[in-house]
């Protein structure tokens, strides 16, 4: 049996938490006072806040696990900006 990678598990958890936050946020925003789908409003608000903290922790872990990729992309972006600055107004074809 093939094992799931930590990145796949992390991405799945991020997706589930995002969906929960979107759904619970919509319920809290549009729901009336009292019970919302059988949940007390304050309980749903507490669960929403906890999910927000968890997603922040998981995003930090995601950035940490993918730091090499992010650094490569930032370097490529920086070198592209430097190349564009060096070209300056020399590109007459675009005018």
PDB file of N, CA and C in Angstrom:
ATOM      1  N   UNK A   1       0.841  -1.186   0.000  1.00  0.00           N
ATOM      2  CA  UNK A   1       0.000   0.000   0.000  1.00  0.00           C
ATOM      3  C   UNK A   1       0.881   1.243   0.000  1.00  0.00           C
ATOM      4  N   UNK A   2       0.570   2.171  -0.884  1.00  0.00           N
ATOM      5  CA  UNK A   2       1.351   3.393  -1.013  1.00  0.00           C
ATOM      6  C   UNK A   2       1.002   4.368   0.113  1.00  0.00           C
ATOM      7  N   UNK A   3       2.038   4.926   0.749  1.00  0.00           N
ATOM      8  CA  UNK A   3       1.812   5.875   1.840  1.00  0.00           C
ATOM      9  C   UNK A   3       1.646   7.283   1.293  1.00  0.00           C
ATOM     10  N   UNK A   4       0.827   8.047   1.987  1.00  0.00           N
ATOM     11  CA  UNK A   4       0.656   9.452   1.631  1.00  0.00           C
ATOM     12  C   UNK A   4       1.839  10.258   2.140  1.00  0.00           C
ATOM     13  N   UNK A   5       2.266  11.214   1.346  1.00  0.00           N
ATOM     14  CA  UNK A   5       3.362  12.074   1.774  1.00  0.00           C
ATOM     15  C   UNK A   5       2.838  13.104   2.777  1.00  0.00           C
ATOM     16  N   UNK A   6       3.727  13.627   3.618  1.00  0.00           N
ATOM     17  CA  UNK A   6       3.296  14.679   4.557  1.00  0.00           C
ATOM     18  C   UNK A   6       2.709  15.888   3.835  1.00  0.00           C
ATOM     19  N   UNK A   7       3.258  16.214   2.656  1.00  0.00           N
ATOM     20  CA  UNK A   7       2.729  17.361   1.908  1.00  0.00           C
ATOM     21  C   UNK A   7       1.308  17.103   1.432  1.00  0.00           C
ATOM     22  N   UNK A   8       1.004  15.860   1.029  1.00  0.00           N
ATOM     23  CA  UNK A   8      -0.353  15.529   0.578  1.00  0.00           C
ATOM     24  C   UNK A   8      -1.335  15.603   1.735  1.00  0.00           C
ATOM     25  N   UNK A   9      -0.924  15.100   2.887  1.00  0.00           N
ATOM     26  CA  UNK A   9      -1.783  15.168   4.079  1.00  0.00           C
ATOM     27  C   UNK A   9      -2.014  16.622   4.475  1.00  0.00           C
ATOM     28  N   UNK A  10      -0.946  17.405   4.467  1.00  0.00           N
ATOM     29  CA  UNK A  10      -1.037  18.817   4.827  1.00  0.00           C
ATOM     30  C   UNK A  10      -1.956  19.568   3.866  1.00  0.00           C
ATOM     31  N   UNK A  11      -1.808  19.324   2.577  1.00  0.00           N
ATOM     32  CA  UNK A  11      -2.662  19.989   1.583  1.00  0.00           C
ATOM     33  C   UNK A  11      -4.127  19.601   1.768  1.00  0.00           C
ATOM     34  N   UNK A  12      -4.375  18.346   2.076  1.00  0.00           N
ATOM     35  CA  UNK A  12      -5.755  17.896   2.304  1.00  0.00           C
ATOM     36  C   UNK A  12      -6.353  18.563   3.542  1.00  0.00           C
ATOM     37  N   UNK A  13      -5.565  18.650   4.610  1.00  0.00           N
ATOM     38  CA  UNK A  13      -6.040  19.325   5.825  1.00  0.00           C
ATOM     39  C   UNK A  13      -6.308  20.797   5.570  1.00  0.00           C
ATOM     40  N   UNK A  14      -5.438  21.441   4.796  1.00  0.00           N
ATOM     41  CA  UNK A  14      -5.646  22.850   4.467  1.00  0.00           C
ATOM     42  C   UNK A  14      -6.939  23.038   3.676  1.00  0.00           C
ATOM     43  N   UNK A  15      -7.187  22.152   2.736  1.00  0.00           N
ATOM     44  CA  UNK A  15      -8.415  22.243   1.953  1.00  0.00           C
ATOM     45  C   UNK A  15      -9.648  22.056   2.841  1.00  0.00           C
ATOM     46  N   UNK A  16      -9.618  21.052   3.701  1.00  0.00           N
ATOM     47  CA  UNK A  16     -10.762  20.808   4.584  1.00  0.00           C
ATOM     48  C   UNK A  16     -11.004  21.976   5.530  1.00  0.00           C
ATOM     49  N   UNK A  17      -9.932  22.504   6.098  1.00  0.00           N
ATOM     50  CA  UNK A  17     -10.094  23.651   6.995  1.00  0.00           C
ATOM     51  C   UNK A  17     -10.600  24.879   6.254  1.00  0.00           C
ATOM     52  N   UNK A  18     -10.105  25.083   5.039  1.00  0.00           N
ATOM     53  CA  UNK A  18     -10.587  26.211   4.243  1.00  0.00           C
ATOM     54  C   UNK A  18     -12.090  26.083   3.993  1.00  0.00           C
ATOM     55  N   UNK A  19     -12.516  24.889   3.597  1.00  0.00           N
ATOM     56  CA  UNK A  19     -13.949  24.677   3.343  1.00  0.00           C
ATOM     57  C   UNK A  19     -14.772  24.896   4.606  1.00  0.00           C
ATOM     58  N   UNK A  20     -14.281  24.391   5.742  1.00  0.00           N
ATOM     59  CA  UNK A  20     -14.992  24.607   7.004  1.00  0.00           C
ATOM     60  C   UNK A  20     -15.065  26.092   7.344  1.00  0.00           C
ATOM     61  N   UNK A  21     -13.943  26.801   7.183  1.00  0.00           N
ATOM     62  CA  UNK A  21     -13.938  28.235   7.496  1.00  0.00           C
ATOM     63  C   UNK A  21     -14.880  29.012   6.585  1.00  0.00           C
ATOM     64  N   UNK A  22     -14.899  28.673   5.311  1.00  0.00           N
ATOM     65  CA  UNK A  22     -15.800  29.360   4.379  1.00  0.00           C
ATOM     66  C   UNK A  22     -17.259  29.086   4.751  1.00  0.00           C
ATOM     67  N   UNK A  23     -17.568  27.826   5.035  1.00  0.00           N
ATOM     68  CA  UNK A  23     -18.943  27.453   5.361  1.00  0.00           C
ATOM     69  C   UNK A  23     -19.382  28.047   6.704  1.00  0.00           C
ATOM     70  N   UNK A  24     -18.545  27.895   7.723  1.00  0.00           N
ATOM     71  CA  UNK A  24     -18.925  28.423   9.036  1.00  0.00           C
ATOM     72  C   UNK A  24     -18.958  29.945   9.029  1.00  0.00           C
ATOM     73  N   UNK A  25     -18.057  30.564   8.270  1.00  0.00           N
ATOM     74  CA  UNK A  25     -18.085  32.023   8.161  1.00  0.00           C
ATOM     75  C   UNK A  25     -19.356  32.520   7.504  1.00  0.00           C
ATOM     76  N   UNK A  26     -19.786  31.816   6.454  1.00  0.00           N
ATOM     77  CA  UNK A  26     -21.039  32.194   5.798  1.00  0.00           C
ATOM     78  C   UNK A  26     -22.226  32.000   6.743  1.00  0.00           C
ATOM     79  N   UNK A  27     -22.226  30.887   7.480  1.00  0.00           N
ATOM     80  CA  UNK A  27     -23.313  30.657   8.436  1.00  0.00           C
ATOM     81  C   UNK A  27     -23.343  31.738   9.508  1.00  0.00           C
ATOM     82  N   UNK A  28     -22.183  32.090  10.017  1.00  0.00           N
ATOM     83  CA  UNK A  28     -22.125  33.124  11.051  1.00  0.00           C
ATOM     84  C   UNK A  28     -22.541  34.486  10.504  1.00  0.00           C
ATOM     85  N   UNK A  29     -22.160  34.756   9.278  1.00  0.00           N
ATOM     86  CA  UNK A  29     -22.477  36.058   8.699  1.00  0.00           C
ATOM     87  C   UNK A  29     -23.962  36.189   8.355  1.00  0.00           C
ATOM     88  N   UNK A  30     -24.498  35.161   7.713  1.00  0.00           N
ATOM     89  CA  UNK A  30     -25.875  35.244   7.242  1.00  0.00           C
ATOM     90  C   UNK A  30     -26.893  34.649   8.205  1.00  0.00           C
ATOM     91  N   UNK A  31     -26.425  33.864   9.166  1.00  0.00           N
ATOM     92  CA  UNK A  31     -27.347  33.222  10.097  1.00  0.00           C
ATOM     93  C   UNK A  31     -27.930  34.200  11.098  1.00  0.00           C
ATOM     94  N   UNK A  32     -29.113  33.890  11.508  1.00  0.00           N
ATOM     95  CA  UNK A  32     -29.761  34.715  12.532  1.00  0.00           C
ATOM     96  C   UNK A  32     -29.219  34.323  13.904  1.00  0.00           C
ATOM     97  N   UNK A  33     -29.618  35.024  14.923  1.00  0.00           N
ATOM     98  CA  UNK A  33     -29.178  34.706  16.274  1.00  0.00           C
ATOM     99  C   UNK A  33     -29.776  33.379  16.722  1.00  0.00           C
ATOM    100  N   UNK A  34     -29.202  32.796  17.747  1.00  0.00           N
ATOM    101  CA  UNK A  34     -29.708  31.533  18.278  1.00  0.00           C
ATOM    102  C   UNK A  34     -29.014  30.348  17.639  1.00  0.00           C
ATOM    103  N   UNK A  35     -29.787  29.334  17.291  1.00  0.00           N
ATOM    104  CA  UNK A  35     -29.229  28.110  16.714  1.00  0.00           C
ATOM    105  C   UNK A  35     -29.011  28.255  15.220  1.00  0.00           C
ATOM    106  N   UNK A  36     -27.883  27.751  14.757  1.00  0.00           N
ATOM    107  CA  UNK A  36     -27.562  27.717  13.335  1.00  0.00           C
ATOM    108  C   UNK A  36     -27.302  26.268  12.984  1.00  0.00           C
ATOM    109  N   UNK A  37     -28.220  25.650  12.279  1.00  0.00           N
ATOM    110  CA  UNK A  37     -28.120  24.239  11.892  1.00  0.00           C
ATOM    111  C   UNK A  37     -27.868  23.345  13.097  1.00  0.00           C
ATOM    112  N   UNK A  38     -28.504  23.661  14.195  1.00  0.00           N
ATOM    113  CA  UNK A  38     -28.390  22.849  15.398  1.00  0.00           C
ATOM    114  C   UNK A  38     -27.225  23.211  16.292  1.00  0.00           C
ATOM    115  N   UNK A  39     -26.413  24.164  15.891  1.00  0.00           N
ATOM    116  CA  UNK A  39     -25.273  24.596  16.704  1.00  0.00           C
ATOM    117  C   UNK A  39     -25.581  25.941  17.338  1.00  0.00           C
ATOM    118  N   UNK A  40     -25.210  26.083  18.591  1.00  0.00           N
ATOM    119  CA  UNK A  40     -25.333  27.387  19.235  1.00  0.00           C
ATOM    120  C   UNK A  40     -24.346  28.329  18.557  1.00  0.00           C
ATOM    121  N   UNK A  41     -24.753  29.561  18.364  1.00  0.00           N
ATOM    122  CA  UNK A  41     -23.923  30.530  17.645  1.00  0.00           C
ATOM    123  C   UNK A  41     -22.532  30.665  18.276  1.00  0.00           C
ATOM    124  N   UNK A  42     -22.469  30.713  19.591  1.00  0.00           N
ATOM    125  CA  UNK A  42     -21.162  30.877  20.249  1.00  0.00           C
ATOM    126  C   UNK A  42     -20.287  29.643  20.047  1.00  0.00           C
ATOM    127  N   UNK A  43     -20.874  28.451  19.977  1.00  0.00           N
ATOM    128  CA  UNK A  43     -20.083  27.237  19.726  1.00  0.00           C
ATOM    129  C   UNK A  43     -19.520  27.242  18.313  1.00  0.00           C
ATOM    130  N   UNK A  44     -20.341  27.669  17.357  1.00  0.00           N
ATOM    131  CA  UNK A  44     -19.876  27.750  15.977  1.00  0.00           C
ATOM    132  C   UNK A  44     -18.788  28.808  15.845  1.00  0.00           C
ATOM    133  N   UNK A  45     -18.941  29.925  16.556  1.00  0.00           N
ATOM    134  CA  UNK A  45     -17.928  30.977  16.525  1.00  0.00           C
ATOM    135  C   UNK A  45     -16.612  30.478  17.124  1.00  0.00           C
ATOM    136  N   UNK A  46     -16.684  29.704  18.217  1.00  0.00           N
ATOM    137  CA  UNK A  46     -15.475  29.146  18.826  1.00  0.00           C
ATOM    138  C   UNK A  46     -14.791  28.145  17.894  1.00  0.00           C
ATOM    139  N   UNK A  47     -15.585  27.292  17.236  1.00  0.00           N
ATOM    140  CA  UNK A  47     -15.025  26.319  16.293  1.00  0.00           C
ATOM    141  C   UNK A  47     -14.390  27.035  15.107  1.00  0.00           C
ATOM    142  N   UNK A  48     -15.012  28.110  14.643  1.00  0.00           N
ATOM    143  CA  UNK A  48     -14.474  28.901  13.537  1.00  0.00           C
ATOM    144  C   UNK A  48     -13.126  29.529  13.930  1.00  0.00           C
ATOM    145  N   UNK A  49     -13.058  30.067  15.137  1.00  0.00           N
ATOM    146  CA  UNK A  49     -11.812  30.683  15.613  1.00  0.00           C
ATOM    147  C   UNK A  49     -10.699  29.635  15.759  1.00  0.00           C
ATOM    148  N   UNK A  50     -11.038  28.471  16.281  1.00  0.00           N
ATOM    149  CA  UNK A  50     -10.046  27.407  16.419  1.00  0.00           C
ATOM    150  C   UNK A  50      -9.545  26.947  15.054  1.00  0.00           C
ATOM    151  N   UNK A  51     -10.451  26.812  14.101  1.00  0.00           N
ATOM    152  CA  UNK A  51     -10.056  26.415  12.749  1.00  0.00           C
ATOM    153  C   UNK A  51      -9.147  27.468  12.117  1.00  0.00           C
ATOM    154  N   UNK A  52      -9.403  28.744  12.410  1.00  0.00           N
ATOM    155  CA  UNK A  52      -8.560  29.818  11.880  1.00  0.00           C
ATOM    156  C   UNK A  52      -7.139  29.715  12.432  1.00  0.00           C
ATOM    157  N   UNK A  53      -7.015  29.419  13.719  1.00  0.00           N
ATOM    158  CA  UNK A  53      -5.686  29.248  14.320  1.00  0.00           C
ATOM    159  C   UNK A  53      -4.985  28.036  13.709  1.00  0.00           C
ATOM    160  N   UNK A  54      -5.719  26.932  13.566  1.00  0.00           N
ATOM    161  CA  UNK A  54      -5.135  25.723  12.980  1.00  0.00           C
ATOM    162  C   UNK A  54      -4.675  25.948  11.546  1.00  0.00           C
ATOM    163  N   UNK A  55      -5.459  26.668  10.760  1.00  0.00           N
ATOM    164  CA  UNK A  55      -5.057  26.895   9.373  1.00  0.00           C
ATOM    165  C   UNK A  55      -3.813  27.775   9.308  1.00  0.00           C
ATOM    166  N   UNK A  56      -3.664  28.711  10.235  1.00  0.00           N
ATOM    167  CA  UNK A  56      -2.446  29.530  10.279  1.00  0.00           C
ATOM    168  C   UNK A  56      -1.218  28.671  10.578  1.00  0.00           C
ATOM    169  N   UNK A  57      -1.351  27.746  11.514  1.00  0.00           N
ATOM    170  CA  UNK A  57      -0.249  26.838  11.847  1.00  0.00           C
ATOM    171  C   UNK A  57       0.082  25.955  10.648  1.00  0.00           C
ATOM    172  N   UNK A  58      -0.939  25.424   9.989  1.00  0.00           N
ATOM    173  CA  UNK A  58      -0.711  24.555   8.832  1.00  0.00           C
ATOM    174  C   UNK A  58      -0.126  25.314   7.653  1.00  0.00           C
ATOM    175  N   UNK A  59      -0.509  26.562   7.463  1.00  0.00           N
ATOM    176  CA  UNK A  59       0.086  27.380   6.405  1.00  0.00           C
ATOM    177  C   UNK A  59       1.565  27.604   6.688  1.00  0.00           C
ATOM    178  N   UNK A  60       1.915  27.860   7.949  1.00  0.00           N
ATOM    179  CA  UNK A  60       3.326  28.017   8.315  1.00  0.00           C
ATOM    180  C   UNK A  60       4.098  26.731   8.031  1.00  0.00           C
ATOM    181  N   UNK A  61       3.510  25.578   8.356  1.00  0.00           N
ATOM    182  CA  UNK A  61       4.155  24.296   8.068  1.00  0.00           C
ATOM    183  C   UNK A  61       4.284  24.087   6.560  1.00  0.00           C
ATOM    184  N   UNK A  62       3.279  24.480   5.799  1.00  0.00           N
ATOM    185  CA  UNK A  62       3.302  24.357   4.344  1.00  0.00           C
ATOM    186  C   UNK A  62       4.435  25.193   3.752  1.00  0.00           C
ATOM    187  N   UNK A  63       4.561  26.420   4.219  1.00  0.00           N
ATOM    188  CA  UNK A  63       5.640  27.290   3.741  1.00  0.00           C
ATOM    189  C   UNK A  63       7.002  26.696   4.115  1.00  0.00           C
ATOM    190  N   UNK A  64       7.109  26.156   5.326  1.00  0.00           N
ATOM    191  CA  UNK A  64       8.362  25.552   5.754  1.00  0.00           C
ATOM    192  C   UNK A  64       8.729  24.346   4.878  1.00  0.00           C
ATOM    193  N   UNK A  65       7.759  23.481   4.616  1.00  0.00           N
ATOM    194  CA  UNK A  65       8.030  22.286   3.811  1.00  0.00           C
ATOM    195  C   UNK A  65       8.356  22.618   2.358  1.00  0.00           C
ATOM    196  N   UNK A  66       7.856  23.749   1.878  1.00  0.00           N
ATOM    197  CA  UNK A  66       8.072  24.139   0.483  1.00  0.00           C
ATOM    198  C   UNK A  66       9.033  25.318   0.350  1.00  0.00           C
ATOM    199  N   UNK A  67       9.842  25.544   1.373  1.00  0.00           N
ATOM    200  CA  UNK A  67      10.699  26.732   1.393  1.00  0.00           C
ATOM    201  C   UNK A  67      11.688  26.761   0.230  1.00  0.00           C
ATOM    202  N   UNK A  68      12.234  25.617  -0.169  1.00  0.00           N
ATOM    203  CA  UNK A  68      13.198  25.605  -1.278  1.00  0.00           C
ATOM    204  C   UNK A  68      12.540  26.064  -2.568  1.00  0.00           C
ATOM    205  N   UNK A  69      11.335  25.571  -2.807  1.00  0.00           N
ATOM    206  CA  UNK A  69      10.597  25.979  -4.008  1.00  0.00           C
ATOM    207  C   UNK A  69      10.322  27.479  -3.971  1.00  0.00           C
ATOM    208  N   UNK A  70       9.869  27.987  -2.834  1.00  0.00           N
ATOM    209  CA  UNK A  70       9.569  29.413  -2.717  1.00  0.00           C
ATOM    210  C   UNK A  70      10.826  30.259  -2.928  1.00  0.00           C
ATOM    211  N   UNK A  71      11.951  29.814  -2.365  1.00  0.00           N
ATOM    212  CA  UNK A  71      13.199  30.570  -2.536  1.00  0.00           C
ATOM    213  C   UNK A  71      13.638  30.584  -3.991  1.00  0.00           C
ATOM    214  N   UNK A  72      13.505  29.429  -4.675  1.00  0.00           N
ATOM    215  CA  UNK A  72      13.849  29.383  -6.100  1.00  0.00           C
ATOM    216  C   UNK A  72      12.968  30.329  -6.904  1.00  0.00           C
ATOM    217  N   UNK A  73      11.682  30.333  -6.596  1.00  0.00           N
ATOM    218  CA  UNK A  73      10.765  31.213  -7.315  1.00  0.00           C
ATOM    219  C   UNK A  73      11.073  32.684  -7.053  1.00  0.00           C
ATOM    220  N   UNK A  74      11.426  33.011  -5.811  1.00  0.00           N
ATOM    221  CA  UNK A  74      11.787  34.400  -5.495  1.00  0.00           C
ATOM    222  C   UNK A  74      13.064  34.815  -6.209  1.00  0.00           C
ATOM    223  N   UNK A  75      14.043  33.903  -6.269  1.00  0.00           N
ATOM    224  CA  UNK A  75      15.278  34.216  -6.992  1.00  0.00           C
ATOM    225  C   UNK A  75      15.003  34.422  -8.477  1.00  0.00           C
ATOM    226  N   UNK A  76      14.175  33.554  -9.051  1.00  0.00           N
ATOM    227  CA  UNK A  76      13.833  33.691 -10.468  1.00  0.00           C
ATOM    228  C   UNK A  76      13.099  35.000 -10.714  1.00  0.00           C
ATOM    229  N   UNK A  77      12.206  35.362  -9.826  1.00  0.00           N
ATOM    230  CA  UNK A  77      11.476  36.620  -9.950  1.00  0.00           C
ATOM    231  C   UNK A  77      12.441  37.799  -9.839  1.00  0.00           C
ATOM    232  N   UNK A  78      13.375  37.719  -8.899  1.00  0.00           N
ATOM    233  CA  UNK A  78      14.360  38.786  -8.734  1.00  0.00           C
ATOM    234  C   UNK A  78      15.254  38.927  -9.942  1.00  0.00           C
ATOM    235  N   UNK A  79      15.684  37.810 -10.520  1.00  0.00           N
ATOM    236  CA  UNK A  79      16.554  37.893 -11.694  1.00  0.00           C
ATOM    237  C   UNK A  79      15.781  38.393 -12.907  1.00  0.00           C
ATOM    238  N   UNK A  80      14.494  38.066 -12.992  1.00  0.00           N
ATOM    239  CA  UNK A  80      13.678  38.559 -14.103  1.00  0.00           C
ATOM    240  C   UNK A  80      13.521  40.070 -14.006  1.00  0.00           C
ATOM    241  N   UNK A  81      13.294  40.577 -12.775  1.00  0.00           N
ATOM    242  CA  UNK A  81      13.173  42.032 -12.599  1.00  0.00           C
ATOM    243  C   UNK A  81      14.489  42.721 -12.933  1.00  0.00           C
ATOM    244  N   UNK A  82      15.611  42.083 -12.548  1.00  0.00           N
ATOM    245  CA  UNK A  82      16.917  42.660 -12.860  1.00  0.00           C
ATOM    246  C   UNK A  82      17.141  42.675 -14.367  1.00  0.00           C
ATOM    247  N   UNK A  83      16.744  41.608 -15.052  1.00  0.00           N
ATOM    248  CA  UNK A  83      16.891  41.553 -16.508  1.00  0.00           C
ATOM    249  C   UNK A  83      16.028  42.613 -17.176  1.00  0.00           C
ATOM    250  N   UNK A  84      14.823  42.806 -16.671  1.00  0.00           N
ATOM    251  CA  UNK A  84      13.935  43.827 -17.223  1.00  0.00           C
ATOM    252  C   UNK A  84      14.516  45.224 -17.002  1.00  0.00           C
ATOM    253  N   UNK A  85      15.120  45.450 -15.850  1.00  0.00           N
ATOM    254  CA  UNK A  85      15.713  46.752 -15.551  1.00  0.00           C
ATOM    255  C   UNK A  85      16.923  47.008 -16.439  1.00  0.00           C
ATOM    256  N   UNK A  86      17.716  45.957 -16.692  1.00  0.00           N
ATOM    257  CA  UNK A  86      18.880  46.106 -17.572  1.00  0.00           C
ATOM    258  C   UNK A  86      18.449  46.434 -18.990  1.00  0.00           C
ATOM    259  N   UNK A  87      17.351  45.810 -19.444  1.00  0.00           N
ATOM    260  CA  UNK A  87      16.872  46.049 -20.809  1.00  0.00           C
ATOM    261  C   UNK A  87      16.412  47.490 -20.950  1.00  0.00           C
ATOM    262  N   UNK A  88      15.837  48.034 -19.892  1.00  0.00           N
ATOM    263  CA  UNK A  88      15.413  49.433 -19.879  1.00  0.00           C
ATOM    264  C   UNK A  88      14.547  49.784 -21.076  1.00  0.00           C
ATOM    265  N   UNK A  89      14.920  50.794 -21.825  1.00  0.00           N
ATOM    266  CA  UNK A  89      14.143  51.220 -22.982  1.00  0.00           C
ATOM    267  C   UNK A  89      14.672  50.648 -24.280  1.00  0.00           C
ATOM    268  N   UNK A  90      15.521  49.627 -24.231  1.00  0.00           N
ATOM    269  CA  UNK A  90      16.128  49.090 -25.435  1.00  0.00           C
ATOM    270  C   UNK A  90      15.176  48.273 -26.293  1.00  0.00           C
ATOM    271  N   UNK A  91      14.068  47.862 -25.769  1.00  0.00           N
ATOM    272  CA  UNK A  91      13.144  47.008 -26.500  1.00  0.00           C
ATOM    273  C   UNK A  91      12.200  47.878 -27.327  1.00  0.00           C
ATOM    274  N   UNK A  92      12.587  48.144 -28.557  1.00  0.00           N
ATOM    275  CA  UNK A  92      11.799  49.003 -29.433  1.00  0.00           C
ATOM    276  C   UNK A  92      10.625  48.258 -30.053  1.00  0.00           C
ATOM    277  N   UNK A  93      10.656  46.932 -30.065  1.00  0.00           N
ATOM    278  CA  UNK A  93       9.586  46.157 -30.700  1.00  0.00           C
ATOM    279  C   UNK A  93       8.264  46.329 -29.957  1.00  0.00           C
ATOM    280  N   UNK A  94       8.316  46.529 -28.647  1.00  0.00           N
ATOM    281  CA  UNK A  94       7.081  46.605 -27.866  1.00  0.00           C
ATOM    282  C   UNK A  94       6.394  47.948 -28.002  1.00  0.00           C
ATOM    283  N   UNK A  95       7.051  48.909 -28.644  1.00  0.00           N
ATOM    284  CA  UNK A  95       6.451  50.247 -28.767  1.00  0.00           C
ATOM    285  C   UNK A  95       5.683  50.417 -30.021  1.00  0.00           C
TER     286      UNK A  95
END
